[in-house]
C-alpha cells in the first residue's frame, strides 16, 4: 500500500494529464521530505517543479540527477493559498510559468514532512478573478526582484510583528524622485547620510533595521535597485477610495494614492491582520496572507 505522500503525488500527476496542466508544483519544506522526494523517481518528470525554501540546499549526489525544475521561494509563515500565489510569482519571474499556465499544486502544512492538499489553478482565470492576483503588468519591471525581496520582509513583519506586537507599515518601491516629491518626513530619516551600499535591502543588517524601524509612523521609500532612501516618510498623495478599498484604512488608501500618482509599487502590511497587500496604479494586484499564530496578541 502506498503511503499518503506517494498517493497524493501520483494523483496529482494523473490530474495534470486529465486537465491539460503543463506543470505540477510540489511544495517541499524540509530537507527530510526533499531527500525522500529525490529518491522516489518523481523528480525525473520534467513537468514536476520542486518548490523549496530559498535557504535549503539539496543533497548531493541526488540533486545532480534532477530533471525537475526547482523554484527557491520564501514561503514560511504563509497560508497554503498565499504560498501557492507567491510560488507563481517566482515561477513567472524565472520563466518556468507563463501567465496563462494551468498548474496542479501539491503541498502540506508549512515546515512539516507530509503532503495533504491538491489544488488546480488556471492562471488565465486567476489573474482576473477576485483572487486578487494580477501582477502581469509588473513582470517586466526592472524593480521586480526588489519587489519580491521587500515582500519577504513584509511577510515576516505581518506574521511575527516585532517583539510579539503587531506592526503595520508601507514600502514604496521605484520612481523614487516622484515619490519623494509627493511625500515628506514625519520623523528624522534614519537612513540619511549612509553610503548607498550600506542601505541596500539585500543586506541582512538593513533588513533587521527595517523590521525595527517599522514601528515608526510613515513609509519606507526604496529605489528599484534596492537602496533604501528614507524611512518614516508621510505620503502626501491623495487617498484613493474605491469599492475594493472599502473597509481598509488610511495606510492602504495612501499606498493606492501614491501608486496612482507615480509608477511606483507599494506594499502594505496591515497592523490588524498582518495581511500583505501589493498596489500598482492605484489598484490591488495581489494579497498574501501570513499565518500569525506565532504572534503574541
Protein backbone atom coordinates (compact mmCIF):
# COMPACT_ATOMS: atom_id res chain seq x y z
CA UNK A 1 0.00 0.00 0.00
CA UNK A 2 1.35 3.42 -0.97
CA UNK A 3 1.93 5.98 1.77
CA UNK A 4 -0.06 9.22 1.70
CA UNK A 5 2.66 11.36 0.11
CA UNK A 6 3.14 8.91 -2.77
CA UNK A 7 -0.60 8.56 -3.31
CA UNK A 8 -1.13 12.33 -3.42
CA UNK A 9 1.72 12.93 -5.86
CA UNK A 10 0.57 10.09 -8.13
CA UNK A 11 -2.96 11.50 -8.07
CA UNK A 12 -1.65 14.98 -8.90
CA UNK A 13 0.27 13.63 -11.92
CA UNK A 14 -2.90 11.89 -13.14
CA UNK A 15 -4.92 15.08 -12.62
CA UNK A 16 -2.37 17.08 -14.59
CA UNK A 17 -2.79 14.74 -17.54
CA UNK A 18 -6.59 14.78 -17.30
CA UNK A 19 -6.85 18.59 -17.01
CA UNK A 20 -4.15 19.52 -19.52
CA UNK A 21 -1.97 21.09 -16.83
CA UNK A 22 1.58 21.70 -18.01
CA UNK A 23 3.19 21.86 -14.58
CA UNK A 24 2.96 20.11 -11.21
CA UNK A 25 4.26 22.20 -8.30
CA UNK A 26 5.37 20.07 -5.35
CA UNK A 27 5.96 22.15 -2.20
CA UNK A 28 8.72 20.52 -0.13
CA UNK A 29 9.54 22.46 3.01
CA UNK A 30 12.18 20.42 4.83
CA UNK A 31 15.44 18.69 3.96
CA UNK A 32 13.93 15.38 5.07
CA UNK A 33 10.99 15.46 2.64
CA UNK A 34 13.21 16.80 -0.16
CA UNK A 35 15.59 13.86 0.23
CA UNK A 36 12.64 11.46 0.28
CA UNK A 37 11.23 13.03 -2.90
CA UNK A 38 14.55 12.85 -4.74
CA UNK A 39 14.69 9.10 -4.10
CA UNK A 40 11.15 8.38 -5.38
CA UNK A 41 11.86 8.98 -9.07
CA UNK A 42 9.19 11.69 -9.39
CA UNK A 43 11.95 14.26 -9.78
CA UNK A 44 12.77 12.71 -13.15
CA UNK A 45 9.45 14.01 -14.52
CA UNK A 46 10.20 17.24 -16.44
CA UNK A 47 6.67 18.52 -15.72
CA UNK A 48 7.34 18.46 -11.98
CA UNK A 49 8.57 21.65 -10.33
CA UNK A 50 10.02 21.45 -6.82
CA UNK A 51 9.20 24.48 -4.68
CA UNK A 52 11.61 24.61 -1.76
CA UNK A 53 12.70 27.22 0.83
CA UNK A 54 15.32 29.56 -0.59
CA UNK A 55 17.90 28.59 2.06
CA UNK A 56 17.50 24.84 1.65
CA UNK A 57 20.36 23.03 -0.09
CA UNK A 58 19.50 19.82 -1.96
CA UNK A 59 21.53 16.75 -1.04
CA UNK A 60 24.27 15.68 -3.43
CA UNK A 61 24.59 13.42 -5.43
CA UNK A 62 20.79 13.07 -5.67
CA UNK A 63 20.41 16.65 -6.87
CA UNK A 64 22.67 16.01 -9.88
CA UNK A 65 20.10 13.57 -11.32
CA UNK A 66 17.32 16.14 -11.24
CA UNK A 67 15.22 16.65 -14.35
CA UNK A 68 12.64 18.68 -12.45
CA UNK A 69 12.93 22.43 -12.27
CA UNK A 70 13.49 23.98 -8.82
CA UNK A 71 11.97 27.21 -7.54
CA UNK A 72 13.51 28.58 -4.36
CA UNK A 73 10.82 30.65 -2.71
CA UNK A 74 10.40 32.30 0.66
CA UNK A 75 7.27 30.59 1.89
CA UNK A 76 7.35 30.48 5.66
CA UNK A 77 4.57 31.94 7.81
CA UNK A 78 2.02 31.92 4.97
CA UNK A 79 -1.28 30.19 4.40
CA UNK A 80 -1.35 27.47 1.75
CA UNK A 81 -3.12 29.74 -0.73
CA UNK A 82 -0.57 32.53 -0.29
CA UNK A 83 2.34 30.11 -0.64
CA UNK A 84 0.89 29.00 -3.98
CA UNK A 85 0.46 32.59 -5.19
CA UNK A 86 3.98 33.52 -4.17
CA UNK A 87 5.42 30.46 -5.92
CA UNK A 88 3.53 31.54 -9.05
CA UNK A 89 5.20 34.96 -8.84
CA UNK A 90 8.61 33.30 -8.72
CA UNK A 91 7.62 30.85 -11.44
CA UNK A 92 6.71 33.59 -13.91
CA UNK A 93 9.78 35.63 -12.96
CA UNK A 94 12.05 32.63 -13.61
CA UNK A 95 10.26 31.76 -16.90
CA UNK A 96 9.04 28.43 -15.53
CA UNK A 97 5.40 29.53 -15.99
CA UNK A 98 3.50 31.66 -18.45
CA UNK A 99 0.73 33.96 -17.26
CA UNK A 100 -1.84 31.58 -18.81
CA UNK A 101 -0.41 28.29 -17.50
CA UNK A 102 -2.50 25.65 -15.77
CA UNK A 103 -0.81 24.20 -12.68
CA UNK A 104 -1.52 21.36 -10.26
CA UNK A 105 -0.11 22.10 -6.78
CA UNK A 106 0.68 19.61 -4.02
CA UNK A 107 1.51 20.84 -0.53
CA UNK A 108 1.06 20.37 3.18
CA UNK A 109 1.40 22.49 6.34
CA UNK A 110 4.45 24.75 6.30
CA UNK A 111 7.55 23.15 7.77
CA UNK A 112 6.07 19.64 8.02
CA UNK A 113 7.08 16.40 6.34
CA UNK A 114 3.71 15.39 4.94
CA UNK A 115 1.51 16.39 2.00
CA UNK A 116 -2.26 16.63 2.27
CA UNK A 117 -3.58 19.13 -0.31
CA UNK A 118 -4.03 19.17 -4.09
CA UNK A 119 -5.11 22.37 -5.86
CA UNK A 120 -5.56 23.09 -9.58
CA UNK A 121 -5.04 26.65 -10.84
CA UNK A 122 -5.69 28.07 -14.29
CA UNK A 123 -3.64 31.27 -14.29
CA UNK A 124 -5.52 32.61 -17.32
CA UNK A 125 -8.51 32.86 -14.96
CA UNK A 126 -6.68 33.55 -11.70
CA UNK A 127 -5.18 36.79 -13.00
CA UNK A 128 -8.63 38.27 -13.48
CA UNK A 129 -10.92 36.75 -10.88
CA UNK A 130 -11.24 38.08 -7.33
CA UNK A 131 -8.08 36.21 -6.47
CA UNK A 132 -6.84 39.02 -6.31
CA UNK A 133 -3.73 38.19 -8.22
CA UNK A 134 -2.95 40.29 -11.28
CA UNK A 135 0.78 41.06 -11.26
CA UNK A 136 1.17 40.55 -15.02
CA UNK A 137 1.94 44.24 -15.57
CA UNK A 138 4.91 44.26 -13.18
CA UNK A 139 6.57 41.12 -14.52
CA UNK A 140 8.77 43.13 -16.87
CA UNK A 141 9.55 45.80 -14.28
CA UNK A 142 13.21 46.46 -13.55
CA UNK A 143 12.20 46.60 -9.88
CA UNK A 144 10.54 43.17 -9.71
CA UNK A 145 13.44 41.39 -7.99
CA UNK A 146 13.49 44.07 -5.30
CA UNK A 147 9.70 43.95 -5.01
CA UNK A 148 9.98 40.25 -4.19
CA UNK A 149 12.73 40.98 -1.66
CA UNK A 150 10.50 43.58 0.02
CA UNK A 151 7.56 41.14 0.04
CA UNK A 152 9.78 38.73 2.00
CA UNK A 153 10.38 41.41 4.62
CA UNK A 154 6.72 42.42 4.68
CA UNK A 155 5.58 38.84 5.21
CA UNK A 156 7.93 38.46 8.16
CA UNK A 157 6.59 41.67 9.70
CA UNK A 158 3.00 40.61 9.03
CA UNK A 159 3.48 37.17 10.55
CA UNK A 160 5.66 37.99 13.52
CA UNK A 161 5.30 41.72 14.20
CA UNK A 162 8.12 42.97 16.37
CA UNK A 163 8.79 41.51 19.81
CA UNK A 164 5.33 39.94 19.72
CA UNK A 165 3.48 43.17 18.91
CA UNK A 166 1.58 43.63 15.63
CA UNK A 167 3.01 46.26 13.28
CA UNK A 168 1.66 47.96 10.17
CA UNK A 169 3.83 49.75 7.63
CA UNK A 170 4.21 50.78 3.96
CA UNK A 171 7.00 50.16 1.45
CA UNK A 172 7.14 52.17 -1.79
CA UNK A 173 9.49 50.82 -4.48
CA UNK A 174 10.60 52.61 -7.65
CA UNK A 175 10.01 56.05 -9.27
CA UNK A 176 11.82 57.46 -6.25
CA UNK A 177 12.13 61.09 -7.41
CA UNK A 178 8.38 61.42 -7.84
CA UNK A 179 7.62 59.56 -4.61
CA UNK A 180 9.95 61.89 -2.67
CA UNK A 181 8.27 64.86 -4.35
CA UNK A 182 4.87 63.68 -3.14
CA UNK A 183 5.90 62.89 0.44
CA UNK A 184 7.62 64.45 3.44
CA UNK A 185 9.48 63.30 6.53
CA UNK A 186 7.25 62.55 9.51
CA UNK A 187 10.32 61.80 11.66
CA UNK A 188 14.07 62.14 11.12
CA UNK A 189 15.21 59.97 8.22
CA UNK A 190 17.16 57.07 9.83
CA UNK A 191 18.87 56.19 6.51
CA UNK A 192 20.19 59.63 5.67
CA UNK A 193 23.97 60.02 5.46
CA UNK A 194 24.86 56.35 4.98
CA UNK A 195 26.63 55.18 1.78
CA UNK A 196 24.34 53.56 -0.78
CA UNK A 197 25.99 50.16 -0.47
CA UNK A 198 25.17 50.15 3.25
CA UNK A 199 21.48 50.87 2.62
CA UNK A 200 20.60 48.01 0.27
CA UNK A 201 17.80 45.68 1.33
CA UNK A 202 19.85 42.65 0.31
CA UNK A 203 22.00 43.26 3.41
CA UNK A 204 20.83 41.36 6.49
CA UNK A 205 21.58 44.29 8.81
CA UNK A 206 19.38 46.56 6.69
CA UNK A 207 16.54 44.03 6.83
CA UNK A 208 16.75 43.85 10.63
CA UNK A 209 16.87 47.65 10.85
CA UNK A 210 13.76 47.92 8.70
CA UNK A 211 11.88 45.47 10.92
CA UNK A 212 12.81 47.56 13.95
CA UNK A 213 12.06 50.91 12.31
CA UNK A 214 8.70 49.65 11.01
CA UNK A 215 7.35 50.53 14.44
CA UNK A 216 7.68 54.22 13.48
CA UNK A 217 4.95 56.08 11.62
CA UNK A 218 5.46 56.59 7.92
CA UNK A 219 6.62 54.71 4.83
CA UNK A 220 9.92 53.29 3.60
CA UNK A 221 11.00 54.67 0.23
CA UNK A 222 13.15 52.24 -1.77
CA UNK A 223 14.82 52.62 -5.15
CA UNK A 224 14.30 49.97 -7.80
CA UNK A 225 17.90 48.88 -7.23
CA UNK A 226 17.12 48.12 -3.57
CA UNK A 227 18.66 51.18 -1.92
CA UNK A 228 16.56 52.41 0.99
CA UNK A 229 16.24 56.17 0.55
CA UNK A 230 14.11 57.02 3.57
CA UNK A 231 12.07 55.69 6.44
CA UNK A 232 9.36 57.39 8.47
CA UNK A 233 8.07 59.30 5.44
CA UNK A 234 4.48 60.57 5.18
CA UNK A 235 2.83 60.10 1.79
CA UNK A 236 1.14 63.29 0.55
CA UNK A 237 -0.70 61.56 -2.27
CA UNK A 238 -4.46 61.93 -2.15
CA UNK A 239 -6.15 58.87 -0.67
CA UNK A 240 -7.94 56.60 -3.10
CA UNK A 241 -11.36 55.27 -2.12
CA UNK A 242 -12.75 52.59 -4.41
CA UNK A 243 -15.04 49.61 -3.92
CA UNK A 244 -12.12 47.22 -3.43
CA UNK A 245 -10.62 49.51 -0.76
CA UNK A 246 -13.77 49.74 1.36
CA UNK A 247 -13.05 48.59 4.88
CA UNK A 248 -9.32 49.29 4.55
CA UNK A 249 -7.63 52.09 6.49
CA UNK A 250 -5.69 55.23 5.61
CA UNK A 251 -2.43 53.28 5.18
CA UNK A 252 -3.90 51.28 2.28
CA UNK A 253 -5.60 54.31 0.72
CA UNK A 254 -2.34 56.29 0.84
CA UNK A 255 -0.48 53.41 -0.78
CA UNK A 256 -3.10 53.26 -3.53
CA UNK A 257 -2.81 57.03 -3.97
CA UNK A 258 0.98 57.16 -4.35
CA UNK A 259 0.90 54.36 -6.94
CA UNK A 260 -1.80 56.20 -8.88
CA UNK A 261 0.31 59.39 -8.98
CA UNK A 262 3.60 57.64 -9.78
CA UNK A 263 4.85 54.43 -11.40
CA UNK A 264 5.96 53.06 -8.03
CA UNK A 265 4.75 49.81 -6.47
CA UNK A 266 3.56 49.91 -2.86
CA UNK A 267 3.42 47.07 -0.35
CA UNK A 268 1.34 47.46 2.80
CA UNK A 269 1.43 45.38 5.98
CA UNK A 270 -1.86 45.55 7.87
CA UNK A 271 -1.38 46.07 11.59
CA UNK A 272 -4.69 44.40 12.46
CA UNK A 273 -4.49 41.29 10.27
CA UNK A 274 -0.85 41.00 9.15
CA UNK A 275 -2.07 40.73 5.55
CA UNK A 276 0.37 41.95 2.89
CA UNK A 277 -1.26 43.90 0.05
CA UNK A 278 0.52 44.94 -3.15
CA UNK A 279 -0.60 48.04 -5.09
CA UNK A 280 0.13 49.29 -8.58
CA UNK A 281 -1.57 52.12 -10.48
CA UNK A 282 -3.96 52.71 -7.59
CA UNK A 283 -5.22 49.13 -7.55
CA UNK A 284 -4.65 45.97 -5.53
CA UNK A 285 -2.76 43.45 -7.67
CA UNK A 286 -2.16 40.80 -5.02
CA UNK A 287 -2.69 39.95 -1.37
CA UNK A 288 -0.76 37.44 0.72
CA UNK A 289 -1.99 36.01 3.99
CA UNK A 290 0.59 35.19 6.66
CA UNK A 291 0.00 32.70 9.43
CA UNK A 292 0.00 34.81 12.58
CA UNK A 293 -0.47 32.10 15.18
CA UNK A 294 3.03 32.83 16.46
CA UNK A 295 2.14 36.43 17.28
CA UNK A 296 1.71 37.25 20.95
CA UNK A 297 -1.50 39.29 20.80
